[in-house]
């Protein structure tokens, strides 16, 4: 799960998508992660679209400084096991709750999470 606190949307990353997320968060370069997919062209295209979406949704951005990742990218194990499905789903059903400011948007007598009507 990934949550964008600026928009209130949260995302479920499943199967290969979760491995791509972990590899990028661990400091593997985009090119390394895509290269670890073993040249499966449709899969590389899907992974590229996923990475673009992760960036466009504000969940992750490219780092200026390189981080030394440990070990091989985990996407290699997924592809080796035959897992090639990748899915990302977005949800906004908790958006109002996530976007509520618990300090400024409450009715003091009632408490949180009751939003003030004038907020």
PDB file of N, CA and C in Angstrom:
ATOM      1  N   UNK A   1       0.845  -1.178   0.000  1.00  0.00           N
ATOM      2  CA  UNK A   1       0.000   0.000   0.000  1.00  0.00           C
ATOM      3  C   UNK A   1       0.886   1.236   0.000  1.00  0.00           C
ATOM      4  N   UNK A   2       0.458   2.220  -0.723  1.00  0.00           N
ATOM      5  CA  UNK A   2       1.136   3.514  -0.760  1.00  0.00           C
ATOM      6  C   UNK A   2       0.061   4.589  -0.630  1.00  0.00           C
ATOM      7  N   UNK A   3       0.345   5.618   0.134  1.00  0.00           N
ATOM      8  CA  UNK A   3      -0.617   6.683   0.405  1.00  0.00           C
ATOM      9  C   UNK A   3      -0.017   8.020   0.014  1.00  0.00           C
ATOM     10  N   UNK A   4      -0.755   8.785  -0.774  1.00  0.00           N
ATOM     11  CA  UNK A   4      -0.348  10.139  -1.104  1.00  0.00           C
ATOM     12  C   UNK A   4      -1.105  11.070  -0.165  1.00  0.00           C
ATOM     13  N   UNK A   5      -0.394  11.643   0.782  1.00  0.00           N
ATOM     14  CA  UNK A   5      -1.021  12.494   1.786  1.00  0.00           C
ATOM     15  C   UNK A   5      -1.477  13.834   1.212  1.00  0.00           C
ATOM     16  N   UNK A   6      -0.972  14.210   0.042  1.00  0.00           N
ATOM     17  CA  UNK A   6      -1.390  15.464  -0.580  1.00  0.00           C
ATOM     18  C   UNK A   6      -2.725  15.334  -1.302  1.00  0.00           C
ATOM     19  N   UNK A   7      -3.034  14.136  -1.804  1.00  0.00           N
ATOM     20  CA  UNK A   7      -4.277  13.946  -2.556  1.00  0.00           C
ATOM     21  C   UNK A   7      -5.302  13.099  -1.816  1.00  0.00           C
ATOM     22  N   UNK A   8      -4.857  12.298  -0.846  1.00  0.00           N
ATOM     23  CA  UNK A   8      -5.753  11.420  -0.117  1.00  0.00           C
ATOM     24  C   UNK A   8      -5.995  10.092  -0.812  1.00  0.00           C
ATOM     25  N   UNK A   9      -5.391   9.884  -1.962  1.00  0.00           N
ATOM     26  CA  UNK A   9      -5.535   8.611  -2.668  1.00  0.00           C
ATOM     27  C   UNK A   9      -4.544   7.608  -2.103  1.00  0.00           C
ATOM     28  N   UNK A  10      -4.982   6.345  -2.037  1.00  0.00           N
ATOM     29  CA  UNK A  10      -4.044   5.295  -1.665  1.00  0.00           C
ATOM     30  C   UNK A  10      -4.064   4.221  -2.739  1.00  0.00           C
ATOM     31  N   UNK A  11      -2.977   3.469  -2.800  1.00  0.00           N
ATOM     32  CA  UNK A  11      -2.733   2.574  -3.916  1.00  0.00           C
ATOM     33  C   UNK A  11      -2.341   1.193  -3.413  1.00  0.00           C
ATOM     34  N   UNK A  12      -2.841   0.195  -4.087  1.00  0.00           N
ATOM     35  CA  UNK A  12      -2.485  -1.186  -3.823  1.00  0.00           C
ATOM     36  C   UNK A  12      -1.599  -1.656  -4.970  1.00  0.00           C
ATOM     37  N   UNK A  13      -0.395  -2.092  -4.635  1.00  0.00           N
ATOM     38  CA  UNK A  13       0.528  -2.627  -5.635  1.00  0.00           C
ATOM     39  C   UNK A  13       0.648  -4.119  -5.400  1.00  0.00           C
ATOM     40  N   UNK A  14       0.322  -4.898  -6.439  1.00  0.00           N
ATOM     41  CA  UNK A  14       0.318  -6.353  -6.280  1.00  0.00           C
ATOM     42  C   UNK A  14       1.282  -7.018  -7.251  1.00  0.00           C
ATOM     43  N   UNK A  15       1.702  -8.205  -6.845  1.00  0.00           N
ATOM     44  CA  UNK A  15       2.540  -9.071  -7.664  1.00  0.00           C
ATOM     45  C   UNK A  15       3.829  -8.352  -8.058  1.00  0.00           C
ATOM     46  N   UNK A  16       4.130  -8.320  -9.333  1.00  0.00           N
ATOM     47  CA  UNK A  16       5.381  -7.726  -9.798  1.00  0.00           C
ATOM     48  C   UNK A  16       5.457  -6.233  -9.484  1.00  0.00           C
ATOM     49  N   UNK A  17       4.316  -5.568  -9.418  1.00  0.00           N
ATOM     50  CA  UNK A  17       4.303  -4.135  -9.097  1.00  0.00           C
ATOM     51  C   UNK A  17       4.893  -3.882  -7.711  1.00  0.00           C
ATOM     52  N   UNK A  18       4.601  -4.756  -6.760  1.00  0.00           N
ATOM     53  CA  UNK A  18       5.155  -4.578  -5.411  1.00  0.00           C
ATOM     54  C   UNK A  18       6.667  -4.776  -5.411  1.00  0.00           C
ATOM     55  N   UNK A  19       7.162  -5.708  -6.236  1.00  0.00           N
ATOM     56  CA  UNK A  19       8.609  -5.930  -6.318  1.00  0.00           C
ATOM     57  C   UNK A  19       9.294  -4.733  -6.961  1.00  0.00           C
ATOM     58  N   UNK A  20       8.673  -4.163  -7.990  1.00  0.00           N
ATOM     59  CA  UNK A  20       9.238  -2.968  -8.625  1.00  0.00           C
ATOM     60  C   UNK A  20       9.308  -1.836  -7.612  1.00  0.00           C
ATOM     61  N   UNK A  21       8.241  -1.648  -6.852  1.00  0.00           N
ATOM     62  CA  UNK A  21       8.218  -0.605  -5.811  1.00  0.00           C
ATOM     63  C   UNK A  21       9.365  -0.814  -4.815  1.00  0.00           C
ATOM     64  N   UNK A  22       9.490  -2.031  -4.310  1.00  0.00           N
ATOM     65  CA  UNK A  22      10.538  -2.319  -3.318  1.00  0.00           C
ATOM     66  C   UNK A  22      11.928  -2.084  -3.892  1.00  0.00           C
ATOM     67  N   UNK A  23      12.136  -2.489  -5.136  1.00  0.00           N
ATOM     68  CA  UNK A  23      13.446  -2.309  -5.754  1.00  0.00           C
ATOM     69  C   UNK A  23      13.779  -0.829  -5.932  1.00  0.00           C
ATOM     70  N   UNK A  24      12.814  -0.051  -6.384  1.00  0.00           N
ATOM     71  CA  UNK A  24      13.057   1.388  -6.543  1.00  0.00           C
ATOM     72  C   UNK A  24      13.295   2.050  -5.187  1.00  0.00           C
ATOM     73  N   UNK A  25      12.498   1.677  -4.189  1.00  0.00           N
ATOM     74  CA  UNK A  25      12.664   2.245  -2.849  1.00  0.00           C
ATOM     75  C   UNK A  25      13.992   1.843  -2.227  1.00  0.00           C
ATOM     76  N   UNK A  26      14.514   0.686  -2.620  1.00  0.00           N
ATOM     77  CA  UNK A  26      15.794   0.212  -2.091  1.00  0.00           C
ATOM     78  C   UNK A  26      16.980   0.891  -2.771  1.00  0.00           C
ATOM     79  N   UNK A  27      16.713   1.687  -3.804  1.00  0.00           N
ATOM     80  CA  UNK A  27      17.785   2.432  -4.446  1.00  0.00           C
ATOM     81  C   UNK A  27      18.238   1.903  -5.790  1.00  0.00           C
ATOM     82  N   UNK A  28      17.584   0.861  -6.292  1.00  0.00           N
ATOM     83  CA  UNK A  28      17.938   0.367  -7.627  1.00  0.00           C
ATOM     84  C   UNK A  28      17.503   1.390  -8.670  1.00  0.00           C
ATOM     85  N   UNK A  29      18.347   1.638  -9.653  1.00  0.00           N
ATOM     86  CA  UNK A  29      18.022   2.568 -10.733  1.00  0.00           C
ATOM     87  C   UNK A  29      16.892   1.999 -11.584  1.00  0.00           C
ATOM     88  N   UNK A  30      16.113   2.882 -12.185  1.00  0.00           N
ATOM     89  CA  UNK A  30      15.020   2.452 -13.057  1.00  0.00           C
ATOM     90  C   UNK A  30      15.552   1.529 -14.145  1.00  0.00           C
ATOM     91  N   UNK A  31      16.677   1.881 -14.733  1.00  0.00           N
ATOM     92  CA  UNK A  31      17.261   1.073 -15.799  1.00  0.00           C
ATOM     93  C   UNK A  31      17.629  -0.321 -15.294  1.00  0.00           C
ATOM     94  N   UNK A  32      18.110  -0.417 -14.056  1.00  0.00           N
ATOM     95  CA  UNK A  32      18.466  -1.710 -13.479  1.00  0.00           C
ATOM     96  C   UNK A  32      17.229  -2.573 -13.287  1.00  0.00           C
ATOM     97  N   UNK A  33      16.174  -1.965 -12.778  1.00  0.00           N
ATOM     98  CA  UNK A  33      14.932  -2.711 -12.547  1.00  0.00           C
ATOM     99  C   UNK A  33      14.357  -3.185 -13.881  1.00  0.00           C
ATOM    100  N   UNK A  34      14.315  -2.313 -14.859  1.00  0.00           N
ATOM    101  CA  UNK A  34      13.784  -2.701 -16.162  1.00  0.00           C
ATOM    102  C   UNK A  34      14.670  -3.760 -16.816  1.00  0.00           C
ATOM    103  N   UNK A  35      15.986  -3.636 -16.665  1.00  0.00           N
ATOM    104  CA  UNK A  35      16.907  -4.616 -17.219  1.00  0.00           C
ATOM    105  C   UNK A  35      16.768  -5.981 -16.567  1.00  0.00           C
ATOM    106  N   UNK A  36      16.389  -5.994 -15.293  1.00  0.00           N
ATOM    107  CA  UNK A  36      16.228  -7.255 -14.561  1.00  0.00           C
ATOM    108  C   UNK A  36      15.007  -8.039 -15.031  1.00  0.00           C
ATOM    109  N   UNK A  37      14.163  -7.410 -15.829  1.00  0.00           N
ATOM    110  CA  UNK A  37      12.984  -8.102 -16.345  1.00  0.00           C
ATOM    111  C   UNK A  37      13.339  -9.028 -17.500  1.00  0.00           C
ATOM    112  N   UNK A  38      14.595  -9.040 -17.882  1.00  0.00           N
ATOM    113  CA  UNK A  38      15.070 -10.022 -18.847  1.00  0.00           C
ATOM    114  C   UNK A  38      14.654  -9.797 -20.282  1.00  0.00           C
ATOM    115  N   UNK A  39      14.376  -8.558 -20.646  1.00  0.00           N
ATOM    116  CA  UNK A  39      14.068  -8.263 -22.037  1.00  0.00           C
ATOM    117  C   UNK A  39      12.694  -8.695 -22.502  1.00  0.00           C
ATOM    118  N   UNK A  40      11.805  -9.013 -21.595  1.00  0.00           N
ATOM    119  CA  UNK A  40      10.425  -9.333 -21.972  1.00  0.00           C
ATOM    120  C   UNK A  40       9.747  -8.020 -22.376  1.00  0.00           C
ATOM    121  N   UNK A  41       9.692  -7.734 -23.667  1.00  0.00           N
ATOM    122  CA  UNK A  41       9.243  -6.430 -24.145  1.00  0.00           C
ATOM    123  C   UNK A  41       7.888  -5.984 -23.614  1.00  0.00           C
ATOM    124  N   UNK A  42       6.834  -6.808 -23.687  1.00  0.00           N
ATOM    125  CA  UNK A  42       5.561  -6.331 -23.136  1.00  0.00           C
ATOM    126  C   UNK A  42       5.656  -6.057 -21.636  1.00  0.00           C
ATOM    127  N   UNK A  43       6.424  -6.864 -20.936  1.00  0.00           N
ATOM    128  CA  UNK A  43       6.583  -6.694 -19.498  1.00  0.00           C
ATOM    129  C   UNK A  43       7.360  -5.415 -19.184  1.00  0.00           C
ATOM    130  N   UNK A  44       8.390  -5.135 -19.958  1.00  0.00           N
ATOM    131  CA  UNK A  44       9.163  -3.900 -19.775  1.00  0.00           C
ATOM    132  C   UNK A  44       8.276  -2.696 -20.051  1.00  0.00           C
ATOM    133  N   UNK A  45       7.433  -2.788 -21.079  1.00  0.00           N
ATOM    134  CA  UNK A  45       6.506  -1.687 -21.377  1.00  0.00           C
ATOM    135  C   UNK A  45       5.532  -1.468 -20.228  1.00  0.00           C
ATOM    136  N   UNK A  46       4.974  -2.556 -19.685  1.00  0.00           N
ATOM    137  CA  UNK A  46       4.058  -2.453 -18.550  1.00  0.00           C
ATOM    138  C   UNK A  46       4.758  -1.862 -17.331  1.00  0.00           C
ATOM    139  N   UNK A  47       5.987  -2.307 -17.078  1.00  0.00           N
ATOM    140  CA  UNK A  47       6.752  -1.803 -15.930  1.00  0.00           C
ATOM    141  C   UNK A  47       7.090  -0.326 -16.105  1.00  0.00           C
ATOM    142  N   UNK A  48       7.402   0.065 -17.324  1.00  0.00           N
ATOM    143  CA  UNK A  48       7.693   1.478 -17.598  1.00  0.00           C
ATOM    144  C   UNK A  48       6.466   2.331 -17.334  1.00  0.00           C
ATOM    145  N   UNK A  49       5.290   1.855 -17.776  1.00  0.00           N
ATOM    146  CA  UNK A  49       4.040   2.592 -17.503  1.00  0.00           C
ATOM    147  C   UNK A  49       3.761   2.662 -15.999  1.00  0.00           C
ATOM    148  N   UNK A  50       4.038   1.571 -15.294  1.00  0.00           N
ATOM    149  CA  UNK A  50       3.845   1.551 -13.839  1.00  0.00           C
ATOM    150  C   UNK A  50       4.747   2.584 -13.168  1.00  0.00           C
ATOM    151  N   UNK A  51       6.011   2.611 -13.544  1.00  0.00           N
ATOM    152  CA  UNK A  51       6.958   3.558 -12.946  1.00  0.00           C
ATOM    153  C   UNK A  51       6.538   4.987 -13.263  1.00  0.00           C
ATOM    154  N   UNK A  52       6.097   5.235 -14.487  1.00  0.00           N
ATOM    155  CA  UNK A  52       5.596   6.567 -14.845  1.00  0.00           C
ATOM    156  C   UNK A  52       4.389   6.944 -13.989  1.00  0.00           C
ATOM    157  N   UNK A  53       3.500   5.984 -13.754  1.00  0.00           N
ATOM    158  CA  UNK A  53       2.312   6.264 -12.933  1.00  0.00           C
ATOM    159  C   UNK A  53       2.696   6.535 -11.482  1.00  0.00           C
ATOM    160  N   UNK A  54       3.635   5.754 -10.954  1.00  0.00           N
ATOM    161  CA  UNK A  54       4.094   5.971  -9.582  1.00  0.00           C
ATOM    162  C   UNK A  54       4.615   7.401  -9.433  1.00  0.00           C
ATOM    163  N   UNK A  55       5.337   7.866 -10.435  1.00  0.00           N
ATOM    164  CA  UNK A  55       5.863   9.231 -10.388  1.00  0.00           C
ATOM    165  C   UNK A  55       4.757  10.266 -10.586  1.00  0.00           C
ATOM    166  N   UNK A  56       3.859  10.031 -11.548  1.00  0.00           N
ATOM    167  CA  UNK A  56       2.823  11.019 -11.826  1.00  0.00           C
ATOM    168  C   UNK A  56       1.809  11.132 -10.692  1.00  0.00           C
ATOM    169  N   UNK A  57       1.617  10.048  -9.932  1.00  0.00           N
ATOM    170  CA  UNK A  57       0.700  10.075  -8.790  1.00  0.00           C
ATOM    171  C   UNK A  57       1.354  10.702  -7.558  1.00  0.00           C
ATOM    172  N   UNK A  58       2.629  11.073  -7.674  1.00  0.00           N
ATOM    173  CA  UNK A  58       3.329  11.710  -6.560  1.00  0.00           C
ATOM    174  C   UNK A  58       3.740  10.758  -5.454  1.00  0.00           C
ATOM    175  N   UNK A  59       3.860   9.474  -5.784  1.00  0.00           N
ATOM    176  CA  UNK A  59       4.209   8.479  -4.771  1.00  0.00           C
ATOM    177  C   UNK A  59       5.716   8.338  -4.591  1.00  0.00           C
ATOM    178  N   UNK A  60       6.461   8.642  -5.649  1.00  0.00           N
ATOM    179  CA  UNK A  60       7.909   8.483  -5.610  1.00  0.00           C
ATOM    180  C   UNK A  60       8.489   9.409  -6.671  1.00  0.00           C
ATOM    181  N   UNK A  61       9.669   9.915  -6.400  1.00  0.00           N
ATOM    182  CA  UNK A  61      10.346  10.736  -7.398  1.00  0.00           C
ATOM    183  C   UNK A  61      11.789  10.280  -7.538  1.00  0.00           C
ATOM    184  N   UNK A  62      12.370  10.591  -8.678  1.00  0.00           N
ATOM    185  CA  UNK A  62      13.761  10.216  -8.911  1.00  0.00           C
ATOM    186  C   UNK A  62      14.666  10.940  -7.926  1.00  0.00           C
ATOM    187  N   UNK A  63      15.631  10.221  -7.403  1.00  0.00           N
ATOM    188  CA  UNK A  63      16.577  10.806  -6.446  1.00  0.00           C
ATOM    189  C   UNK A  63      17.712  11.471  -7.198  1.00  0.00           C
ATOM    190  N   UNK A  64      18.212  12.570  -6.633  1.00  0.00           N
ATOM    191  CA  UNK A  64      19.360  13.252  -7.223  1.00  0.00           C
ATOM    192  C   UNK A  64      20.644  12.475  -6.975  1.00  0.00           C
ATOM    193  N   UNK A  65      20.766  11.919  -5.787  1.00  0.00           N
ATOM    194  CA  UNK A  65      21.974  11.188  -5.413  1.00  0.00           C
ATOM    195  C   UNK A  65      21.722   9.691  -5.473  1.00  0.00           C
ATOM    196  N   UNK A  66      22.730   8.986  -5.921  1.00  0.00           N
ATOM    197  CA  UNK A  66      22.605   7.533  -6.017  1.00  0.00           C
ATOM    198  C   UNK A  66      22.710   6.900  -4.643  1.00  0.00           C
ATOM    199  N   UNK A  67      21.926   5.861  -4.439  1.00  0.00           N
ATOM    200  CA  UNK A  67      21.962   5.063  -3.218  1.00  0.00           C
ATOM    201  C   UNK A  67      22.516   3.705  -3.614  1.00  0.00           C
ATOM    202  N   UNK A  68      23.381   3.162  -2.796  1.00  0.00           N
ATOM    203  CA  UNK A  68      23.949   1.847  -3.107  1.00  0.00           C
ATOM    204  C   UNK A  68      22.993   0.763  -2.637  1.00  0.00           C
ATOM    205  N   UNK A  69      22.243   0.157  -3.570  1.00  0.00           N
ATOM    206  CA  UNK A  69      21.303  -0.901  -3.175  1.00  0.00           C
ATOM    207  C   UNK A  69      22.038  -2.174  -2.795  1.00  0.00           C
ATOM    208  N   UNK A  70      21.401  -2.955  -1.957  1.00  0.00           N
ATOM    209  CA  UNK A  70      21.968  -4.230  -1.537  1.00  0.00           C
ATOM    210  C   UNK A  70      21.366  -5.355  -2.362  1.00  0.00           C
ATOM    211  N   UNK A  71      22.194  -6.206  -2.929  1.00  0.00           N
ATOM    212  CA  UNK A  71      21.725  -7.392  -3.628  1.00  0.00           C
ATOM    213  C   UNK A  71      21.111  -7.109  -4.984  1.00  0.00           C
ATOM    214  N   UNK A  72      20.585  -8.165  -5.558  1.00  0.00           N
ATOM    215  CA  UNK A  72      19.944  -8.092  -6.865  1.00  0.00           C
ATOM    216  C   UNK A  72      18.519  -7.564  -6.723  1.00  0.00           C
ATOM    217  N   UNK A  73      17.994  -6.961  -7.783  1.00  0.00           N
ATOM    218  CA  UNK A  73      16.591  -6.533  -7.734  1.00  0.00           C
ATOM    219  C   UNK A  73      15.660  -7.734  -7.520  1.00  0.00           C
ATOM    220  N   UNK A  74      14.643  -7.552  -6.707  1.00  0.00           N
ATOM    221  CA  UNK A  74      13.723  -8.654  -6.403  1.00  0.00           C
ATOM    222  C   UNK A  74      12.816  -9.012  -7.572  1.00  0.00           C
ATOM    223  N   UNK A  75      12.742  -8.147  -8.583  1.00  0.00           N
ATOM    224  CA  UNK A  75      11.913  -8.471  -9.743  1.00  0.00           C
ATOM    225  C   UNK A  75      12.453  -9.709 -10.455  1.00  0.00           C
ATOM    226  N   UNK A  76      13.748  -9.955 -10.332  1.00  0.00           N
ATOM    227  CA  UNK A  76      14.349 -11.128 -10.977  1.00  0.00           C
ATOM    228  C   UNK A  76      13.708 -12.414 -10.464  1.00  0.00           C
ATOM    229  N   UNK A  77      13.474 -12.496  -9.160  1.00  0.00           N
ATOM    230  CA  UNK A  77      12.874 -13.694  -8.569  1.00  0.00           C
ATOM    231  C   UNK A  77      11.435 -13.860  -9.035  1.00  0.00           C
ATOM    232  N   UNK A  78      10.701 -12.768  -9.166  1.00  0.00           N
ATOM    233  CA  UNK A  78       9.315 -12.849  -9.643  1.00  0.00           C
ATOM    234  C   UNK A  78       9.275 -13.377 -11.069  1.00  0.00           C
ATOM    235  N   UNK A  79      10.118 -12.819 -11.931  1.00  0.00           N
ATOM    236  CA  UNK A  79      10.128 -13.247 -13.327  1.00  0.00           C
ATOM    237  C   UNK A  79      10.591 -14.700 -13.434  1.00  0.00           C
ATOM    238  N   UNK A  80      11.597 -15.072 -12.646  1.00  0.00           N
ATOM    239  CA  UNK A  80      12.093 -16.453 -12.664  1.00  0.00           C
ATOM    240  C   UNK A  80      11.015 -17.447 -12.221  1.00  0.00           C
ATOM    241  N   UNK A  81      10.132 -17.009 -11.330  1.00  0.00           N
ATOM    242  CA  UNK A  81       9.061 -17.898 -10.856  1.00  0.00           C
ATOM    243  C   UNK A  81       7.865 -17.925 -11.797  1.00  0.00           C
ATOM    244  N   UNK A  82       7.916 -17.093 -12.826  1.00  0.00           N
ATOM    245  CA  UNK A  82       6.813 -17.059 -13.784  1.00  0.00           C
ATOM    246  C   UNK A  82       5.766 -16.008 -13.484  1.00  0.00           C
ATOM    247  N   UNK A  83       5.954 -15.239 -12.420  1.00  0.00           N
ATOM    248  CA  UNK A  83       5.004 -14.180 -12.069  1.00  0.00           C
ATOM    249  C   UNK A  83       5.293 -12.961 -12.924  1.00  0.00           C
ATOM    250  N   UNK A  84       4.401 -12.657 -13.833  1.00  0.00           N
ATOM    251  CA  UNK A  84       4.604 -11.503 -14.700  1.00  0.00           C
ATOM    252  C   UNK A  84       3.439 -10.522 -14.641  1.00  0.00           C
ATOM    253  N   UNK A  85       2.463 -10.793 -13.787  1.00  0.00           N
ATOM    254  CA  UNK A  85       1.348  -9.850 -13.674  1.00  0.00           C
ATOM    255  C   UNK A  85       1.746  -8.718 -12.737  1.00  0.00           C
ATOM    256  N   UNK A  86       1.356  -7.524 -13.112  1.00  0.00           N
ATOM    257  CA  UNK A  86       1.589  -6.407 -12.217  1.00  0.00           C
ATOM    258  C   UNK A  86       0.337  -5.550 -12.208  1.00  0.00           C
ATOM    259  N   UNK A  87      -0.041  -5.128 -11.021  1.00  0.00           N
ATOM    260  CA  UNK A  87      -1.290  -4.387 -10.873  1.00  0.00           C
ATOM    261  C   UNK A  87      -1.116  -3.274  -9.857  1.00  0.00           C
ATOM    262  N   UNK A  88      -1.695  -2.135 -10.204  1.00  0.00           N
ATOM    263  CA  UNK A  88      -1.782  -1.024  -9.263  1.00  0.00           C
ATOM    264  C   UNK A  88      -3.219  -0.521  -9.334  1.00  0.00           C
ATOM    265  N   UNK A  89      -3.848  -0.456  -8.186  1.00  0.00           N
ATOM    266  CA  UNK A  89      -5.216   0.044  -8.091  1.00  0.00           C
ATOM    267  C   UNK A  89      -5.218   1.250  -7.164  1.00  0.00           C
ATOM    268  N   UNK A  90      -6.040   2.231  -7.503  1.00  0.00           N
ATOM    269  CA  UNK A  90      -6.133   3.413  -6.646  1.00  0.00           C
ATOM    270  C   UNK A  90      -7.518   3.490  -6.028  1.00  0.00           C
ATOM    271  N   UNK A  91      -7.543   4.069  -4.837  1.00  0.00           N
ATOM    272  CA  UNK A  91      -8.784   4.185  -4.063  1.00  0.00           C
ATOM    273  C   UNK A  91      -8.873   5.583  -3.471  1.00  0.00           C
ATOM    274  N   UNK A  92     -10.094   6.067  -3.377  1.00  0.00           N
ATOM    275  CA  UNK A  92     -10.294   7.378  -2.757  1.00  0.00           C
ATOM    276  C   UNK A  92     -11.383   7.351  -1.692  1.00  0.00           C
ATOM    277  N   UNK A  93     -11.791   6.161  -1.261  1.00  0.00           N
ATOM    278  CA  UNK A  93     -12.898   6.052  -0.321  1.00  0.00           C
ATOM    279  C   UNK A  93     -12.575   6.620   1.064  1.00  0.00           C
ATOM    280  N   UNK A  94     -11.311   6.765   1.395  1.00  0.00           N
ATOM    281  CA  UNK A  94     -10.929   7.360   2.689  1.00  0.00           C
ATOM    282  C   UNK A  94     -10.366   8.763   2.516  1.00  0.00           C
ATOM    283  N   UNK A  95     -10.520   9.300   1.314  1.00  0.00           N
ATOM    284  CA  UNK A  95      -9.924  10.604   0.990  1.00  0.00           C
ATOM    285  C   UNK A  95     -10.339  11.696   1.967  1.00  0.00           C
ATOM    286  N   UNK A  96     -11.621  11.792   2.256  1.00  0.00           N
ATOM    287  CA  UNK A  96     -12.091  12.847   3.167  1.00  0.00           C
ATOM    288  C   UNK A  96     -11.435  12.729   4.536  1.00  0.00           C
ATOM    289  N   UNK A  97     -11.296  11.526   5.023  1.00  0.00           N
ATOM    290  CA  UNK A  97     -10.679  11.316   6.325  1.00  0.00           C
ATOM    291  C   UNK A  97      -9.185  11.646   6.289  1.00  0.00           C
ATOM    292  N   UNK A  98      -8.517  11.202   5.235  1.00  0.00           N
ATOM    293  CA  UNK A  98      -7.075  11.468   5.111  1.00  0.00           C
ATOM    294  C   UNK A  98      -6.814  12.962   4.975  1.00  0.00           C
ATOM    295  N   UNK A  99      -7.673  13.666   4.262  1.00  0.00           N
ATOM    296  CA  UNK A  99      -7.457  15.082   3.994  1.00  0.00           C
ATOM    297  C   UNK A  99      -7.944  15.989   5.129  1.00  0.00           C
ATOM    298  N   UNK A 100      -8.608  15.442   6.125  1.00  0.00           N
ATOM    299  CA  UNK A 100      -9.077  16.253   7.242  1.00  0.00           C
ATOM    300  C   UNK A 100      -7.897  16.704   8.089  1.00  0.00           C
ATOM    301  N   UNK A 101      -7.885  17.963   8.411  1.00  0.00           N
ATOM    302  CA  UNK A 101      -6.853  18.523   9.276  1.00  0.00           C
ATOM    303  C   UNK A 101      -7.344  18.375  10.719  1.00  0.00           C
ATOM    304  N   UNK A 102      -6.780  17.441  11.498  1.00  0.00           N
ATOM    305  CA  UNK A 102      -7.305  17.162  12.835  1.00  0.00           C
ATOM    306  C   UNK A 102      -7.096  18.291  13.837  1.00  0.00           C
ATOM    307  N   UNK A 103      -6.318  19.279  13.491  1.00  0.00           N
ATOM    308  CA  UNK A 103      -6.082  20.378  14.419  1.00  0.00           C
ATOM    309  C   UNK A 103      -7.035  21.541  14.150  1.00  0.00           C
ATOM    310  N   UNK A 104      -7.272  21.817  12.873  1.00  0.00           N
ATOM    311  CA  UNK A 104      -8.028  23.012  12.526  1.00  0.00           C
ATOM    312  C   UNK A 104      -9.454  22.761  12.057  1.00  0.00           C
ATOM    313  N   UNK A 105      -9.781  21.531  11.685  1.00  0.00           N
ATOM    314  CA  UNK A 105     -11.088  21.272  11.091  1.00  0.00           C
ATOM    315  C   UNK A 105     -11.967  20.392  11.973  1.00  0.00           C
ATOM    316  N   UNK A 106     -12.007  20.669  13.239  1.00  0.00           N
ATOM    317  CA  UNK A 106     -12.841  19.867  14.127  1.00  0.00           C
ATOM    318  C   UNK A 106     -13.762  20.760  14.947  1.00  0.00           C
ATOM    319  N   UNK A 107     -14.805  20.152  15.435  1.00  0.00           N
ATOM    320  CA  UNK A 107     -15.687  20.826  16.373  1.00  0.00           C
ATOM    321  C   UNK A 107     -15.108  20.543  17.761  1.00  0.00           C
ATOM    322  N   UNK A 108     -14.639  21.574  18.430  1.00  0.00           N
ATOM    323  CA  UNK A 108     -13.913  21.375  19.684  1.00  0.00           C
ATOM    324  C   UNK A 108     -14.716  20.631  20.734  1.00  0.00           C
ATOM    325  N   UNK A 109     -16.027  20.873  20.793  1.00  0.00           N
ATOM    326  CA  UNK A 109     -16.845  20.220  21.804  1.00  0.00           C
ATOM    327  C   UNK A 109     -17.066  18.735  21.501  1.00  0.00           C
ATOM    328  N   UNK A 110     -17.006  18.359  20.241  1.00  0.00           N
ATOM    329  CA  UNK A 110     -17.286  16.985  19.831  1.00  0.00           C
ATOM    330  C   UNK A 110     -15.999  16.191  19.661  1.00  0.00           C
ATOM    331  N   UNK A 111     -14.975  16.826  19.117  1.00  0.00           N
ATOM    332  CA  UNK A 111     -13.696  16.153  18.900  1.00  0.00           C
ATOM    333  C   UNK A 111     -13.497  15.711  17.469  1.00  0.00           C
ATOM    334  N   UNK A 112     -12.503  14.935  17.297  1.00  0.00           N
ATOM    335  CA  UNK A 112     -12.117  14.478  15.965  1.00  0.00           C
ATOM    336  C   UNK A 112     -12.623  13.068  15.768  1.00  0.00           C
ATOM    337  N   UNK A 113     -13.079  12.675  14.640  1.00  0.00           N
ATOM    338  CA  UNK A 113     -12.929  13.237  13.309  1.00  0.00           C
ATOM    339  C   UNK A 113     -14.164  13.944  12.761  1.00  0.00           C
ATOM    340  N   UNK A 114     -14.923  14.641  13.539  1.00  0.00           N
ATOM    341  CA  UNK A 114     -16.074  15.383  13.052  1.00  0.00           C
ATOM    342  C   UNK A 114     -15.586  16.698  12.476  1.00  0.00           C
ATOM    343  N   UNK A 115     -15.793  16.887  11.179  1.00  0.00           N
ATOM    344  CA  UNK A 115     -15.369  18.103  10.520  1.00  0.00           C
ATOM    345  C   UNK A 115     -16.328  19.252  10.785  1.00  0.00           C
ATOM    346  N   UNK A 116     -15.787  20.426  10.938  1.00  0.00           N
ATOM    347  CA  UNK A 116     -16.613  21.614  11.038  1.00  0.00           C
ATOM    348  C   UNK A 116     -17.293  21.844   9.683  1.00  0.00           C
ATOM    349  N   UNK A 117     -18.511  22.313   9.702  1.00  0.00           N
ATOM    350  CA  UNK A 117     -19.249  22.574   8.466  1.00  0.00           C
ATOM    351  C   UNK A 117     -18.705  23.802   7.740  1.00  0.00           C
ATOM    352  N   UNK A 118     -18.109  24.745   8.459  1.00  0.00           N
ATOM    353  CA  UNK A 118     -17.594  25.963   7.826  1.00  0.00           C
ATOM    354  C   UNK A 118     -16.166  25.810   7.340  1.00  0.00           C
ATOM    355  N   UNK A 119     -15.580  24.609   7.471  1.00  0.00           N
ATOM    356  CA  UNK A 119     -14.175  24.389   7.050  1.00  0.00           C
ATOM    357  C   UNK A 119     -14.077  24.175   5.570  1.00  0.00           C
TER     358      UNK A 119
END
